[in-house]
C-alpha atoms as a PDB file:
ATOM      1  CA  UNK A   1       0.089  -0.017  -0.094  1.00  0.00           C
ATOM      2  CA  UNK A   2       1.223   3.456  -1.072  1.00  0.00           C
ATOM      3  CA  UNK A   3       1.069   6.223   1.289  1.00  0.00           C
ATOM      4  CA  UNK A   4      -0.022   9.108  -0.768  1.00  0.00           C
ATOM      5  CA  UNK A   5      -1.557  11.448   2.067  1.00  0.00           C
ATOM      6  CA  UNK A   6      -0.545  11.782   5.372  1.00  0.00           C
ATOM      7  CA  UNK A   7      -2.819  13.783   7.995  1.00  0.00           C
ATOM      8  CA  UNK A   8      -1.020  15.181  11.237  1.00  0.00           C
ATOM      9  CA  UNK A   9      -3.581  16.017  13.906  1.00  0.00           C
ATOM     10  CA  UNK A  10      -2.143  19.443  15.363  1.00  0.00           C
ATOM     11  CA  UNK A  11      -3.813  20.479  19.054  1.00  0.00           C
ATOM     12  CA  UNK A  12      -3.276  22.540  21.893  1.00  0.00           C
ATOM     13  CA  UNK A  13      -0.981  20.589  23.821  1.00  0.00           C
ATOM     14  CA  UNK A  14       1.310  19.443  20.774  1.00  0.00           C
ATOM     15  CA  UNK A  15       3.609  22.636  21.169  1.00  0.00           C
ATOM     16  CA  UNK A  16       5.972  20.487  23.581  1.00  0.00           C
ATOM     17  CA  UNK A  17       5.928  17.531  20.781  1.00  0.00           C
ATOM     18  CA  UNK A  18       6.740  19.829  17.556  1.00  0.00           C
ATOM     19  CA  UNK A  19      10.329  18.052  16.960  1.00  0.00           C
ATOM     20  CA  UNK A  20       9.092  14.608  17.534  1.00  0.00           C
ATOM     21  CA  UNK A  21       5.931  15.187  15.661  1.00  0.00           C
ATOM     22  CA  UNK A  22       8.471  16.630  12.756  1.00  0.00           C
ATOM     23  CA  UNK A  23      10.404  14.248  12.987  1.00  0.00           C
ATOM     24  CA  UNK A  24       7.748  11.019  12.577  1.00  0.00           C
ATOM     25  CA  UNK A  25       6.160  13.008   9.868  1.00  0.00           C
ATOM     26  CA  UNK A  26       8.682  13.304   8.341  1.00  0.00           C
ATOM     27  CA  UNK A  27       9.971   9.687   8.365  1.00  0.00           C
ATOM     28  CA  UNK A  28       6.931   8.493   7.136  1.00  0.00           C
ATOM     29  CA  UNK A  29       6.096  11.106   4.475  1.00  0.00           C
ATOM     30  CA  UNK A  30       9.352  11.884   2.868  1.00  0.00           C
ATOM     31  CA  UNK A  31       9.946   8.681   1.493  1.00  0.00           C
ATOM     32  CA  UNK A  32       6.912   7.908   0.344  1.00  0.00           C
ATOM     33  CA  UNK A  33       6.849  11.396  -1.482  1.00  0.00           C
ATOM     34  CA  UNK A  34       3.670  11.835   0.581  1.00  0.00           C
ATOM     35  CA  UNK A  35       1.577  15.288   0.827  1.00  0.00           C
ATOM     36  CA  UNK A  36       1.048  16.270   4.640  1.00  0.00           C
ATOM     37  CA  UNK A  37      -2.040  18.056   6.034  1.00  0.00           C
ATOM     38  CA  UNK A  38      -1.173  20.044   8.955  1.00  0.00           C
ATOM     39  CA  UNK A  39      -4.710  19.383  10.797  1.00  0.00           C
ATOM     40  CA  UNK A  40      -4.937  22.156  13.917  1.00  0.00           C
ATOM     41  CA  UNK A  41      -7.958  22.121  15.402  1.00  0.00           C
ATOM     42  CA  UNK A  42      -9.059  24.564  18.092  1.00  0.00           C
ATOM     43  CA  UNK A  43     -11.563  24.413  21.136  1.00  0.00           C
ATOM     44  CA  UNK A  44     -13.787  27.607  20.560  1.00  0.00           C
ATOM     45  CA  UNK A  45     -12.063  29.351  23.133  1.00  0.00           C
ATOM     46  CA  UNK A  46      -8.714  28.598  21.891  1.00  0.00           C
ATOM     47  CA  UNK A  47      -9.587  30.003  18.732  1.00  0.00           C
ATOM     48  CA  UNK A  48     -10.914  33.545  19.940  1.00  0.00           C
ATOM     49  CA  UNK A  49      -8.174  34.004  22.066  1.00  0.00           C
ATOM     50  CA  UNK A  50      -5.287  32.873  19.083  1.00  0.00           C
ATOM     51  CA  UNK A  51      -7.238  35.153  16.704  1.00  0.00           C
ATOM     52  CA  UNK A  52      -7.090  37.920  19.031  1.00  0.00           C
ATOM     53  CA  UNK A  53      -3.344  37.503  20.017  1.00  0.00           C
ATOM     54  CA  UNK A  54      -2.696  37.225  16.233  1.00  0.00           C
ATOM     55  CA  UNK A  55      -4.427  40.746  15.447  1.00  0.00           C
ATOM     56  CA  UNK A  56      -7.514  39.367  13.807  1.00  0.00           C
ATOM     57  CA  UNK A  57     -10.560  41.016  13.763  1.00  0.00           C
ATOM     58  CA  UNK A  58     -13.351  38.981  15.446  1.00  0.00           C
ATOM     59  CA  UNK A  59     -15.978  37.979  12.918  1.00  0.00           C
ATOM     60  CA  UNK A  60     -13.732  39.305   9.875  1.00  0.00           C
ATOM     61  CA  UNK A  61     -13.571  37.263   6.633  1.00  0.00           C
ATOM     62  CA  UNK A  62      -9.968  37.195   7.009  1.00  0.00           C
ATOM     63  CA  UNK A  63     -10.984  35.248  10.703  1.00  0.00           C
ATOM     64  CA  UNK A  64     -10.702  31.802   9.349  1.00  0.00           C
ATOM     65  CA  UNK A  65      -9.464  28.699  11.201  1.00  0.00           C
ATOM     66  CA  UNK A  66      -7.282  27.940   8.020  1.00  0.00           C
ATOM     67  CA  UNK A  67      -5.789  31.312   8.364  1.00  0.00           C
ATOM     68  CA  UNK A  68      -5.476  31.317  12.306  1.00  0.00           C
ATOM     69  CA  UNK A  69      -3.956  27.761  12.107  1.00  0.00           C
ATOM     70  CA  UNK A  70      -1.141  29.072   9.014  1.00  0.00           C
ATOM     71  CA  UNK A  71       0.122  31.660  11.800  1.00  0.00           C
ATOM     72  CA  UNK A  72      -0.038  29.524  14.987  1.00  0.00           C
ATOM     73  CA  UNK A  73       3.359  29.364  16.568  1.00  0.00           C
ATOM     74  CA  UNK A  74       3.064  25.109  16.785  1.00  0.00           C
ATOM     75  CA  UNK A  75       1.582  24.997  12.980  1.00  0.00           C
ATOM     76  CA  UNK A  76       4.515  27.247  11.736  1.00  0.00           C
ATOM     77  CA  UNK A  77       7.263  25.500  13.344  1.00  0.00           C
ATOM     78  CA  UNK A  78       5.930  22.020  12.086  1.00  0.00           C
ATOM     79  CA  UNK A  79       5.687  23.719   8.643  1.00  0.00           C
ATOM     80  CA  UNK A  80       9.378  25.006   8.519  1.00  0.00           C
ATOM     81  CA  UNK A  81      10.264  21.594   9.496  1.00  0.00           C
ATOM     82  CA  UNK A  82       8.348  19.838   6.558  1.00  0.00           C
ATOM     83  CA  UNK A  83       9.734  22.527   4.004  1.00  0.00           C
ATOM     84  CA  UNK A  84      13.289  22.363   5.413  1.00  0.00           C
ATOM     85  CA  UNK A  85      13.148  18.468   4.643  1.00  0.00           C
ATOM     86  CA  UNK A  86      11.361  19.047   1.307  1.00  0.00           C
ATOM     87  CA  UNK A  87       8.114  17.685   2.262  1.00  0.00           C
ATOM     88  CA  UNK A  88       4.905  18.910   0.090  1.00  0.00           C
ATOM     89  CA  UNK A  89       2.651  20.215   2.794  1.00  0.00           C
ATOM     90  CA  UNK A  90      -0.373  22.143   3.492  1.00  0.00           C
ATOM     91  CA  UNK A  91      -2.229  23.567   6.819  1.00  0.00           C
ATOM     92  CA  UNK A  92      -6.015  23.127   7.456  1.00  0.00           C
ATOM     93  CA  UNK A  93      -7.623  24.653  10.650  1.00  0.00           C
ATOM     94  CA  UNK A  94     -10.895  23.879  12.354  1.00  0.00           C
ATOM     95  CA  UNK A  95     -12.756  24.637  15.195  1.00  0.00           C
ATOM     96  CA  UNK A  96     -14.288  21.805  17.157  1.00  0.00           C
ATOM     97  CA  UNK A  97     -13.502  18.365  18.942  1.00  0.00           C
ATOM     98  CA  UNK A  98     -10.038  17.405  17.873  1.00  0.00           C
ATOM     99  CA  UNK A  99     -10.613  13.707  17.394  1.00  0.00           C
ATOM    100  CA  UNK A 100     -13.522  14.198  15.361  1.00  0.00           C
ATOM    101  CA  UNK A 101     -12.498  16.930  13.117  1.00  0.00           C
ATOM    102  CA  UNK A 102      -8.911  14.808  12.601  1.00  0.00           C
ATOM    103  CA  UNK A 103     -11.194  11.944  11.578  1.00  0.00           C
ATOM    104  CA  UNK A 104     -13.783  14.024   9.323  1.00  0.00           C
ATOM    105  CA  UNK A 105     -10.398  15.457   7.771  1.00  0.00           C
ATOM    106  CA  UNK A 106      -8.939  11.807   7.178  1.00  0.00           C
ATOM    107  CA  UNK A 107     -12.026  10.558   5.578  1.00  0.00           C
ATOM    108  CA  UNK A 108     -12.583  13.509   3.207  1.00  0.00           C
ATOM    109  CA  UNK A 109      -9.275  13.207   2.089  1.00  0.00           C
ATOM    110  CA  UNK A 110      -9.014   9.764   1.683  1.00  0.00           C
ATOM    111  CA  UNK A 111      -5.345   9.650   3.762  1.00  0.00           C
ATOM    112  CA  UNK A 112      -3.331   6.554   3.977  1.00  0.00           C
ATOM    113  CA  UNK A 113      -2.204   7.381   7.581  1.00  0.00           C
ATOM    114  CA  UNK A 114      -3.171   9.760  10.517  1.00  0.00           C
ATOM    115  CA  UNK A 115      -0.007  10.844  12.898  1.00  0.00           C
ATOM    116  CA  UNK A 116      -0.955  12.019  16.164  1.00  0.00           C
ATOM    117  CA  UNK A 117       0.827  13.108  19.036  1.00  0.00           C
ATOM    118  CA  UNK A 118      -0.307  12.307  22.981  1.00  0.00           C
ATOM    119  CA  UNK A 119       1.263  12.066  26.301  1.00  0.00           C
ATOM    120  CA  UNK A 120       1.292   8.570  28.274  1.00  0.00           C
ATOM    121  CA  UNK A 121      -2.055   8.184  30.624  1.00  0.00           C
ATOM    122  CA  UNK A 122      -2.940   5.396  33.152  1.00  0.00           C
ATOM    123  CA  UNK A 123      -5.885   3.356  32.202  1.00  0.00           C
ATOM    124  CA  UNK A 124      -7.773   5.254  34.767  1.00  0.00           C
ATOM    125  CA  UNK A 125      -6.644   8.632  33.525  1.00  0.00           C
ATOM    126  CA  UNK A 126      -8.044   7.612  29.905  1.00  0.00           C
ATOM    127  CA  UNK A 127     -11.232   6.537  31.651  1.00  0.00           C
ATOM    128  CA  UNK A 128     -11.690  10.007  33.703  1.00  0.00           C
ATOM    129  CA  UNK A 129     -10.306  12.206  31.177  1.00  0.00           C
ATOM    130  CA  UNK A 130     -10.879  10.175  27.512  1.00  0.00           C
ATOM    131  CA  UNK A 131      -8.279  10.035  25.188  1.00  0.00           C
ATOM    132  CA  UNK A 132      -8.276  11.994  22.186  1.00  0.00           C
ATOM    133  CA  UNK A 133      -5.336   9.848  20.328  1.00  0.00           C
ATOM    134  CA  UNK A 134      -7.174   6.564  21.392  1.00  0.00           C
ATOM    135  CA  UNK A 135     -10.331   7.935  19.932  1.00  0.00           C
ATOM    136  CA  UNK A 136      -8.444   8.779  16.902  1.00  0.00           C
ATOM    137  CA  UNK A 137      -6.777   5.227  16.973  1.00  0.00           C
ATOM    138  CA  UNK A 138     -10.642   3.621  16.861  1.00  0.00           C
ATOM    139  CA  UNK A 139     -12.010   5.900  14.452  1.00  0.00           C
ATOM    140  CA  UNK A 140      -9.936   6.747  11.907  1.00  0.00           C
ATOM    141  CA  UNK A 141     -10.095   5.173   8.625  1.00  0.00           C
ATOM    142  CA  UNK A 142      -6.651   4.452   8.042  1.00  0.00           C
ATOM    143  CA  UNK A 143      -4.052   3.444  10.117  1.00  0.00           C
ATOM    144  CA  UNK A 144      -2.470   5.644  12.655  1.00  0.00           C
ATOM    145  CA  UNK A 145       1.080   6.506  14.062  1.00  0.00           C
ATOM    146  CA  UNK A 146       0.911   7.708  17.547  1.00  0.00           C
ATOM    147  CA  UNK A 147       3.631  10.070  18.623  1.00  0.00           C
ATOM    148  CA  UNK A 148       4.656   9.645  22.487  1.00  0.00           C
ATOM    149  CA  UNK A 149       5.459  13.038  24.521  1.00  0.00           C
ATOM    150  CA  UNK A 150       9.120  12.667  25.346  1.00  0.00           C
ATOM    151  CA  UNK A 151      10.122  12.206  29.048  1.00  0.00           C
ATOM    152  CA  UNK A 152      10.501  15.239  31.307  1.00  0.00           C
END
């Protein structure tokens, strides 16, 4: 099976794992000459805060999830790493539930792989707080690569 399209889930917690995510996504996409779709999903509060910090006028036509995602620090760092490695990529933004938006994006693009980051959690922690990565792994229409946060 060839890999043509890879969706990289980017959320509010991924600033801590940019280097690890970049290494992993490059190792998957570069040899296959696949396109990476950086999919940054904001919850409503984060979207509004980030939009304001970046100087976007609320409700303006330029204040779209895609525009905010392109200028977000985490997404920019990932985009720079992919550009340096010569990996084709694009950026998409969305507002909503991270797992749902990533799965919908993967389905819509007919993605061959999804890459999602996360941290180590106990089984109790997953049961009580949920796990976005686990939900993506169970719902994605393609294989999912989980990138664990480096040990501190």
